[in-house]
Amino acid sequence: MGRAATGSCTESALRVQYDALMDESTAALALAIGVRVRQERQSRRWTLDQLAEAAGVSRRMVVTVEQGAANPSVGTLLRISDALGVGLPALVERPEPRPVRVTRQGDGAVLWSSESGGRGVLVAGTAPPDVVELWDWTLGSGDRHVTQAHTPGTQELVQVQQGTITIEVAGQPVTLDAGDAVAFPGDVAHSYANPGTQPARFSLAVFEPGVGAGSRPEVAGA
């Protein structure tokens, strides 16, 4: 009984430490994104209102992002990055003059998380105008991530590494097990879900042509 209680207390303490580290990491990422957005906006001599209009978001949202005061949705970041013409990876990665950019394990940008332990981590990306993003996704049991349509011509590739996921594309569901892969258009509404009782993990590659050519049509919350 004593050992079980001790073990439980230790696990709880480790969980609190982990959550604190995650909160600190999320806050640091939000601040870094805010600095980059402000730099890109000011380099174009745009006002807050001009960026808000180009991105199709509110002025308050732009201010919040630049101040690093909130953890914006992936959809909001996509709108802002496209309006600036830099691509989402440029907002979360440090400027790197060399052609080879390495992301070490644990250094990816966590842009989505859930209470059940799910995470969407952007681990690598290319420069515009034709941007390729590489993501490492984990969905906890019952997790579902809904994404609105991206810019025309966007394509996505998914391969499941662990567990089972269901991808719904324009209302058509596809269930994938470990080792399965699928390619589908990302310019229609789609979602990723874990219908199982165990965590699921998958790799996601997103190809977005012509970033910066215009604002994205998706609504915030993607």
Protein backbone atom coordinates (compact mmCIF):
# COMPACT_ATOMS: atom_id res chain seq x y z
CA MET A 1 0.00 0.00 0.00
CA GLY A 2 2.82 2.36 0.99
CA ARG A 3 4.77 1.59 -2.15
CA ALA A 4 1.73 2.10 -4.36
CA ALA A 5 1.00 5.45 -2.73
CA THR A 6 4.63 6.52 -3.10
CA GLY A 7 4.64 5.52 -6.74
CA SER A 8 1.42 7.42 -7.35
CA CYS A 9 2.83 10.56 -5.70
CA THR A 10 6.00 10.30 -7.79
CA GLU A 11 4.01 9.97 -11.02
CA SER A 12 1.86 12.97 -10.05
CA ALA A 13 4.93 15.07 -9.30
CA LEU A 14 6.51 14.13 -12.63
CA ARG A 15 3.28 14.98 -14.41
CA VAL A 16 3.17 18.42 -12.78
CA GLN A 17 6.80 19.03 -13.78
CA TYR A 18 6.07 17.91 -17.34
CA ASP A 19 3.00 20.16 -17.60
CA ALA A 20 5.02 23.10 -16.27
CA LEU A 21 7.75 22.51 -18.85
CA MET A 22 5.15 22.24 -21.62
CA ASP A 23 3.50 25.50 -20.51
CA GLU A 24 6.91 27.21 -20.45
CA SER A 25 7.77 25.85 -23.90
CA THR A 26 4.40 26.93 -25.32
CA ALA A 27 4.81 30.44 -23.91
CA ALA A 28 8.33 30.74 -25.33
CA LEU A 29 7.11 29.61 -28.77
CA ALA A 30 4.23 32.12 -28.69
CA LEU A 31 6.66 34.93 -27.88
CA ALA A 32 9.04 33.86 -30.68
CA ILE A 33 6.18 33.74 -33.19
CA GLY A 34 5.03 37.18 -32.06
CA VAL A 35 8.47 38.68 -32.59
CA ARG A 36 8.74 37.18 -36.07
CA VAL A 37 5.26 38.35 -37.11
CA ARG A 38 6.00 41.87 -35.90
CA GLN A 39 9.36 41.92 -37.71
CA GLU A 40 7.81 40.72 -40.97
CA ARG A 41 4.95 43.22 -40.70
CA GLN A 42 7.23 46.15 -39.92
CA SER A 43 9.66 45.22 -42.71
CA ARG A 44 6.73 45.70 -45.11
CA ARG A 45 5.71 48.93 -43.35
CA TRP A 46 2.27 47.50 -42.77
CA THR A 47 0.00 48.69 -40.00
CA LEU A 48 -1.75 46.24 -37.71
CA ASP A 49 -4.96 46.91 -39.64
CA GLN A 50 -3.31 46.16 -42.97
CA LEU A 51 -2.03 42.77 -41.80
CA ALA A 52 -5.37 41.96 -40.22
CA GLU A 53 -7.19 42.74 -43.45
CA ALA A 54 -4.73 40.77 -45.60
CA ALA A 55 -4.92 37.76 -43.28
CA GLY A 56 -8.67 37.90 -42.77
CA VAL A 57 -8.39 38.06 -38.98
CA SER A 58 -9.25 40.75 -36.45
CA ARG A 59 -6.86 43.52 -35.45
CA ARG A 60 -7.16 42.27 -31.88
CA MET A 61 -5.91 38.84 -33.00
CA VAL A 62 -2.85 40.34 -34.70
CA VAL A 63 -2.05 42.35 -31.57
CA THR A 64 -2.47 39.26 -29.40
CA VAL A 65 -0.19 37.19 -31.64
CA GLU A 66 2.51 39.86 -31.80
CA GLN A 67 2.48 40.21 -28.02
CA GLY A 68 2.79 36.45 -27.58
CA ALA A 69 -0.16 36.70 -25.23
CA ALA A 70 -2.00 33.64 -26.52
CA ASN A 71 -1.48 30.33 -28.27
CA PRO A 72 -3.14 30.97 -31.66
CA SER A 73 -4.71 28.16 -33.65
CA VAL A 74 -2.90 26.59 -36.58
CA GLY A 75 -5.53 28.11 -38.87
CA THR A 76 -4.81 31.61 -37.62
CA LEU A 77 -1.06 31.16 -38.06
CA LEU A 78 -1.61 29.87 -41.58
CA ARG A 79 -3.64 32.95 -42.47
CA ILE A 80 -1.02 35.32 -41.07
CA SER A 81 1.96 33.51 -42.59
CA ASP A 82 0.32 33.41 -46.01
CA ALA A 83 -0.60 37.10 -45.84
CA LEU A 84 3.04 37.88 -45.06
CA GLY A 85 4.18 35.53 -47.83
CA VAL A 86 6.63 33.65 -45.62
CA GLY A 87 4.95 30.29 -44.97
CA LEU A 88 4.14 28.75 -41.59
CA PRO A 89 7.60 27.17 -41.03
CA ALA A 90 9.23 30.61 -41.19
CA LEU A 91 7.17 31.79 -38.21
CA VAL A 92 8.32 28.99 -35.92
CA GLU A 93 11.87 28.30 -37.08
CA ARG A 94 14.94 30.36 -36.34
CA PRO A 95 16.44 32.06 -39.42
CA GLU A 96 19.08 29.71 -40.79
CA PRO A 97 21.41 30.92 -43.57
CA ARG A 98 22.72 27.44 -44.35
CA PRO A 99 20.83 25.22 -46.85
CA VAL A 100 20.79 22.28 -44.40
CA ARG A 101 18.55 22.84 -41.37
CA VAL A 102 18.39 20.19 -38.68
CA THR A 103 15.62 19.81 -36.11
CA ARG A 104 16.78 17.66 -33.21
CA GLN A 105 14.40 15.37 -31.36
CA GLY A 106 12.21 17.43 -29.06
CA ASP A 107 12.98 20.73 -30.81
CA GLY A 108 9.92 20.83 -33.10
CA ALA A 109 7.25 23.52 -32.69
CA VAL A 110 4.21 22.21 -30.79
CA LEU A 111 1.34 24.08 -32.46
CA TRP A 112 -1.55 21.94 -31.19
CA SER A 113 -2.14 19.92 -28.04
CA SER A 114 -4.98 18.19 -26.25
CA GLU A 115 -5.80 17.28 -22.66
CA SER A 116 -5.37 13.59 -23.50
CA GLY A 117 -1.76 14.08 -24.57
CA GLY A 118 -2.25 14.71 -28.28
CA ARG A 119 0.27 16.96 -30.02
CA GLY A 120 0.78 18.43 -33.46
CA VAL A 121 4.48 19.21 -33.93
CA LEU A 122 5.86 21.05 -36.96
CA VAL A 123 9.33 19.53 -37.30
CA ALA A 124 10.55 20.90 -40.64
CA GLY A 125 9.55 23.09 -43.54
CA THR A 126 10.75 24.76 -46.72
CA ALA A 127 10.75 28.38 -47.83
CA PRO A 128 8.04 29.94 -50.04
CA PRO A 129 6.57 30.18 -52.54
CA ASP A 130 6.04 26.39 -52.71
CA VAL A 131 6.11 25.35 -49.07
CA VAL A 132 6.39 21.79 -47.77
CA GLU A 133 5.64 21.18 -44.10
CA LEU A 134 6.55 18.01 -42.18
CA TRP A 135 4.53 17.27 -39.04
CA ASP A 136 4.70 14.66 -36.27
CA TRP A 137 1.20 14.10 -34.90
CA THR A 138 0.02 12.21 -31.83
CA LEU A 139 -3.68 11.81 -31.08
CA GLY A 140 -4.84 10.63 -27.68
CA SER A 141 -7.82 8.32 -27.36
CA GLY A 142 -10.90 10.16 -28.62
CA ASP A 143 -8.93 13.14 -30.00
CA ARG A 144 -10.23 14.82 -33.16
CA HIS A 145 -8.55 17.70 -34.98
CA VAL A 146 -10.68 19.54 -37.55
CA THR A 147 -9.02 21.56 -40.32
CA GLN A 148 -10.79 23.84 -42.76
CA ALA A 149 -9.82 24.05 -46.43
CA HIS A 150 -6.30 25.35 -47.14
CA THR A 151 -5.30 27.34 -50.21
CA PRO A 152 -6.15 25.86 -53.64
CA GLY A 153 -3.72 23.18 -54.76
CA THR A 154 -2.67 22.09 -51.26
CA GLN A 155 -1.93 18.37 -50.99
CA GLU A 156 -1.41 16.24 -47.88
CA LEU A 157 0.29 12.90 -47.26
CA VAL A 158 -0.21 10.84 -44.11
CA GLN A 159 1.44 7.65 -42.87
CA VAL A 160 0.39 6.04 -39.61
CA GLN A 161 3.24 4.99 -37.31
CA GLN A 162 1.21 3.69 -34.37
CA GLY A 163 -2.42 2.89 -33.63
CA THR A 164 -5.44 3.67 -35.79
CA ILE A 165 -6.72 6.99 -37.15
CA THR A 166 -9.72 8.04 -39.19
CA ILE A 167 -9.25 10.82 -41.73
CA GLU A 168 -12.36 12.47 -43.12
CA VAL A 169 -11.95 14.39 -46.37
CA ALA A 170 -14.93 16.37 -47.66
CA GLY A 171 -17.23 14.09 -45.68
CA GLN A 172 -15.56 10.84 -46.80
CA PRO A 173 -13.98 8.86 -43.93
CA VAL A 174 -10.92 6.64 -44.36
CA THR A 175 -9.56 4.45 -41.55
CA LEU A 176 -5.83 3.77 -41.44
CA ASP A 177 -3.82 1.35 -39.31
CA ALA A 178 -0.09 1.34 -38.53
CA GLY A 179 1.87 1.25 -41.80
CA ASP A 180 -1.01 2.55 -43.93
CA ALA A 181 -0.68 5.77 -45.91
CA VAL A 182 -3.01 8.10 -47.81
CA ALA A 183 -2.75 11.11 -50.12
CA PHE A 184 -5.58 13.63 -50.36
CA PRO A 185 -6.35 17.24 -51.32
CA GLY A 186 -5.90 19.67 -48.45
CA ASP A 187 -7.97 22.40 -50.09
CA VAL A 188 -11.21 20.89 -48.79
CA ALA A 189 -12.40 20.53 -45.20
CA HIS A 190 -10.79 17.56 -43.45
CA SER A 191 -10.14 16.09 -40.02
CA TYR A 192 -7.98 13.56 -38.18
CA ALA A 193 -9.39 11.44 -35.35
CA ASN A 194 -8.32 8.60 -33.07
CA PRO A 195 -11.29 6.26 -32.55
CA GLY A 196 -9.25 3.78 -30.50
CA THR A 197 -8.40 3.44 -26.82
CA GLN A 198 -4.63 3.78 -27.33
CA PRO A 199 -2.60 6.76 -28.58
CA ALA A 200 -2.11 7.02 -32.34
CA ARG A 201 0.85 8.61 -34.09
CA PHE A 202 1.29 9.63 -37.70
CA SER A 203 3.55 11.65 -39.99
CA LEU A 204 1.96 14.40 -42.07
CA ALA A 205 3.47 16.18 -45.07
CA VAL A 206 1.69 19.24 -46.46
CA PHE A 207 2.48 20.81 -49.84
CA GLU A 208 1.20 24.38 -50.24
CA PRO A 209 1.92 25.99 -53.61
CA GLY A 210 2.11 29.73 -54.14
CA VAL A 211 2.26 30.83 -50.50
CA GLY A 212 1.80 34.58 -50.31
CA ALA A 213 -0.29 34.79 -53.45
CA GLY A 214 -3.42 35.59 -51.46
CA SER A 215 -5.18 35.13 -48.16
CA ARG A 216 -6.47 31.73 -47.14
CA PRO A 217 -10.16 30.93 -47.14
CA GLU A 218 -10.24 28.75 -44.02
CA VAL A 219 -11.83 29.96 -40.83
CA ALA A 220 -9.91 30.27 -37.59
CA GLY A 221 -9.87 27.14 -35.50
CA ALA A 222 -8.11 24.94 -38.03
